[in-house]
Amino acid sequence: MADPVEQQPIDEAVELEVAAAQAMQACGGDMLATVKALIVANAMLEQELADVYAKASRGFLRGRRLPKRKD
């Protein structure tokens, strides 16, 4: 029987392949559109994370690295 630790990278690779195929399918098979959509989605997630850090108290974030604020 295979060790579960050894199976994990294969499972993650399969999940990544499926996610990539779904992203390309959502963009009609256009790879350039897929890359653009992923860049936009990543930027939105980065902004959301920055907003969460901005709203969190300094005490809660104690010991964590804070992103540089754009003032």
N, C-alpha and C. Protein backbone atom coordinates (compact mmCIF):
# COMPACT_ATOMS: atom_id res chain seq x y z
N MET A 1 0.86 -1.18 0.00
CA MET A 1 0.00 0.00 0.00
C MET A 1 0.89 1.23 0.00
N ALA A 2 0.55 2.23 -0.79
CA ALA A 2 1.33 3.45 -0.91
C ALA A 2 1.16 4.32 0.33
N ASP A 3 2.24 4.95 0.70
CA ASP A 3 2.24 5.86 1.84
C ASP A 3 1.44 7.11 1.46
N PRO A 4 0.50 7.56 2.31
CA PRO A 4 -0.32 8.75 1.98
C PRO A 4 0.51 9.99 1.71
N VAL A 5 1.68 10.09 2.37
CA VAL A 5 2.53 11.25 2.16
C VAL A 5 3.06 11.26 0.72
N GLU A 6 3.34 10.07 0.18
CA GLU A 6 3.83 9.98 -1.19
C GLU A 6 2.73 10.30 -2.19
N GLN A 7 1.48 10.05 -1.88
CA GLN A 7 0.36 10.29 -2.78
C GLN A 7 0.00 11.77 -2.87
N GLN A 8 0.28 12.53 -1.85
CA GLN A 8 -0.15 13.92 -1.80
C GLN A 8 0.34 14.75 -2.99
N PRO A 9 1.62 14.71 -3.37
CA PRO A 9 2.04 15.52 -4.52
C PRO A 9 1.32 15.15 -5.81
N ILE A 10 1.02 13.88 -6.00
CA ILE A 10 0.30 13.46 -7.19
C ILE A 10 -1.12 14.04 -7.16
N ASP A 11 -1.77 13.96 -6.01
CA ASP A 11 -3.13 14.51 -5.88
C ASP A 11 -3.13 16.01 -6.13
N GLU A 12 -2.14 16.71 -5.61
CA GLU A 12 -2.06 18.15 -5.82
C GLU A 12 -1.81 18.48 -7.29
N ALA A 13 -1.00 17.66 -7.95
CA ALA A 13 -0.73 17.88 -9.37
C ALA A 13 -2.00 17.67 -10.19
N VAL A 14 -2.78 16.66 -9.84
CA VAL A 14 -4.03 16.39 -10.54
C VAL A 14 -5.00 17.55 -10.32
N GLU A 15 -5.10 18.02 -9.07
CA GLU A 15 -5.99 19.14 -8.77
C GLU A 15 -5.58 20.39 -9.54
N LEU A 16 -4.28 20.61 -9.66
CA LEU A 16 -3.77 21.77 -10.41
C LEU A 16 -4.13 21.65 -11.88
N GLU A 17 -3.98 20.46 -12.44
CA GLU A 17 -4.33 20.23 -13.85
C GLU A 17 -5.82 20.48 -14.09
N VAL A 18 -6.64 20.00 -13.18
CA VAL A 18 -8.09 20.18 -13.30
C VAL A 18 -8.45 21.66 -13.20
N ALA A 19 -7.85 22.36 -12.24
CA ALA A 19 -8.12 23.78 -12.08
C ALA A 19 -7.69 24.57 -13.32
N ALA A 20 -6.54 24.22 -13.89
CA ALA A 20 -6.06 24.89 -15.10
C ALA A 20 -7.01 24.64 -16.26
N ALA A 21 -7.46 23.41 -16.40
CA ALA A 21 -8.39 23.07 -17.48
C ALA A 21 -9.71 23.82 -17.32
N GLN A 22 -10.18 23.94 -16.07
CA GLN A 22 -11.43 24.67 -15.82
C GLN A 22 -11.28 26.15 -16.15
N ALA A 23 -10.13 26.72 -15.80
CA ALA A 23 -9.89 28.14 -16.09
C ALA A 23 -9.85 28.37 -17.59
N MET A 24 -9.18 27.48 -18.32
CA MET A 24 -9.10 27.63 -19.77
C MET A 24 -10.47 27.43 -20.41
N GLN A 25 -11.24 26.50 -19.90
CA GLN A 25 -12.58 26.26 -20.42
C GLN A 25 -13.48 27.47 -20.18
N ALA A 26 -13.34 28.09 -19.01
CA ALA A 26 -14.14 29.28 -18.69
C ALA A 26 -13.82 30.44 -19.62
N CYS A 27 -12.60 30.44 -20.17
CA CYS A 27 -12.20 31.51 -21.09
C CYS A 27 -12.29 31.06 -22.55
N GLY A 28 -13.06 30.02 -22.79
CA GLY A 28 -13.28 29.57 -24.15
C GLY A 28 -12.06 28.96 -24.82
N GLY A 29 -11.12 28.49 -24.04
CA GLY A 29 -9.93 27.86 -24.60
C GLY A 29 -8.84 28.85 -24.98
N ASP A 30 -9.09 30.12 -24.80
CA ASP A 30 -8.11 31.17 -25.14
C ASP A 30 -7.11 31.30 -23.99
N MET A 31 -5.86 30.88 -24.24
CA MET A 31 -4.86 30.88 -23.17
C MET A 31 -4.50 32.30 -22.72
N LEU A 32 -4.45 33.25 -23.66
CA LEU A 32 -4.13 34.63 -23.29
C LEU A 32 -5.22 35.20 -22.39
N ALA A 33 -6.46 34.95 -22.73
CA ALA A 33 -7.57 35.42 -21.90
C ALA A 33 -7.53 34.76 -20.52
N THR A 34 -7.13 33.50 -20.48
CA THR A 34 -7.03 32.79 -19.20
C THR A 34 -5.97 33.43 -18.32
N VAL A 35 -4.81 33.71 -18.90
CA VAL A 35 -3.74 34.35 -18.12
C VAL A 35 -4.18 35.71 -17.62
N LYS A 36 -4.83 36.49 -18.49
CA LYS A 36 -5.31 37.81 -18.08
C LYS A 36 -6.32 37.70 -16.94
N ALA A 37 -7.23 36.74 -17.05
CA ALA A 37 -8.24 36.55 -16.00
C ALA A 37 -7.60 36.16 -14.68
N LEU A 38 -6.58 35.31 -14.74
CA LEU A 38 -5.90 34.89 -13.52
C LEU A 38 -5.12 36.04 -12.89
N ILE A 39 -4.54 36.90 -13.72
CA ILE A 39 -3.83 38.07 -13.19
C ILE A 39 -4.80 39.01 -12.50
N VAL A 40 -5.96 39.24 -13.12
CA VAL A 40 -6.98 40.10 -12.51
C VAL A 40 -7.47 39.50 -11.20
N ALA A 41 -7.74 38.19 -11.20
CA ALA A 41 -8.21 37.52 -9.98
C ALA A 41 -7.17 37.62 -8.88
N ASN A 42 -5.90 37.45 -9.23
CA ASN A 42 -4.84 37.54 -8.23
C ASN A 42 -4.75 38.96 -7.65
N ALA A 43 -4.87 39.96 -8.50
CA ALA A 43 -4.83 41.35 -8.03
C ALA A 43 -5.98 41.63 -7.08
N MET A 44 -7.15 41.09 -7.40
CA MET A 44 -8.31 41.29 -6.52
C MET A 44 -8.08 40.62 -5.17
N LEU A 45 -7.50 39.43 -5.16
CA LEU A 45 -7.22 38.74 -3.90
C LEU A 45 -6.16 39.48 -3.09
N GLU A 46 -5.15 40.04 -3.77
CA GLU A 46 -4.13 40.81 -3.07
C GLU A 46 -4.75 42.05 -2.43
N GLN A 47 -5.67 42.71 -3.14
CA GLN A 47 -6.33 43.90 -2.60
C GLN A 47 -7.20 43.52 -1.41
N GLU A 48 -7.90 42.40 -1.52
CA GLU A 48 -8.74 41.94 -0.41
C GLU A 48 -7.89 41.65 0.83
N LEU A 49 -6.74 41.03 0.63
CA LEU A 49 -5.85 40.75 1.75
C LEU A 49 -5.31 42.04 2.36
N ALA A 50 -4.96 43.00 1.52
CA ALA A 50 -4.49 44.29 2.02
C ALA A 50 -5.59 44.98 2.83
N ASP A 51 -6.83 44.88 2.39
CA ASP A 51 -7.96 45.46 3.12
C ASP A 51 -8.13 44.79 4.48
N VAL A 52 -7.98 43.48 4.52
CA VAL A 52 -8.11 42.75 5.79
C VAL A 52 -7.01 43.18 6.74
N TYR A 53 -5.76 43.28 6.25
CA TYR A 53 -4.67 43.73 7.10
C TYR A 53 -4.93 45.15 7.61
N ALA A 54 -5.47 46.02 6.76
CA ALA A 54 -5.73 47.40 7.16
C ALA A 54 -6.79 47.48 8.24
N LYS A 55 -7.75 46.55 8.22
CA LYS A 55 -8.83 46.57 9.20
C LYS A 55 -8.49 45.84 10.49
N ALA A 56 -7.48 44.98 10.46
CA ALA A 56 -7.12 44.20 11.64
C ALA A 56 -6.31 45.06 12.61
N SER A 57 -6.50 44.82 13.88
CA SER A 57 -5.78 45.61 14.89
C SER A 57 -4.31 45.20 14.92
N ARG A 58 -3.47 46.12 15.37
CA ARG A 58 -2.04 45.84 15.49
C ARG A 58 -1.79 44.70 16.49
N GLY A 59 -2.58 44.63 17.54
CA GLY A 59 -2.41 43.57 18.53
C GLY A 59 -2.71 42.20 17.96
N PHE A 60 -3.73 42.12 17.12
CA PHE A 60 -4.08 40.84 16.50
C PHE A 60 -2.98 40.38 15.56
N LEU A 61 -2.36 41.34 14.88
CA LEU A 61 -1.33 41.02 13.90
C LEU A 61 0.07 40.90 14.51
N ARG A 62 0.16 40.99 15.81
CA ARG A 62 1.43 40.93 16.52
C ARG A 62 2.29 39.76 16.00
N GLY A 63 3.50 40.07 15.60
CA GLY A 63 4.43 39.05 15.15
C GLY A 63 4.27 38.66 13.69
N ARG A 64 3.32 39.21 13.02
CA ARG A 64 3.13 38.90 11.60
C ARG A 64 3.69 40.04 10.76
N ARG A 65 4.16 39.70 9.61
CA ARG A 65 4.69 40.73 8.71
C ARG A 65 3.53 41.47 8.08
N LEU A 66 3.58 42.76 8.14
CA LEU A 66 2.55 43.59 7.54
C LEU A 66 3.02 44.08 6.19
N PRO A 67 2.13 44.12 5.23
CA PRO A 67 2.52 44.70 3.94
C PRO A 67 2.76 46.19 4.10
N LYS A 68 3.62 46.73 3.25
CA LYS A 68 3.89 48.16 3.31
C LYS A 68 2.64 48.91 2.90
N ARG A 69 2.31 49.94 3.67
CA ARG A 69 1.13 50.75 3.37
C ARG A 69 1.45 51.75 2.27
N LYS A 70 0.49 51.92 1.38
CA LYS A 70 0.63 52.89 0.30
C LYS A 70 -0.11 54.15 0.73
N ASP A 71 0.62 55.11 1.26
CA ASP A 71 0.01 56.37 1.73
C ASP A 71 0.23 57.47 0.74
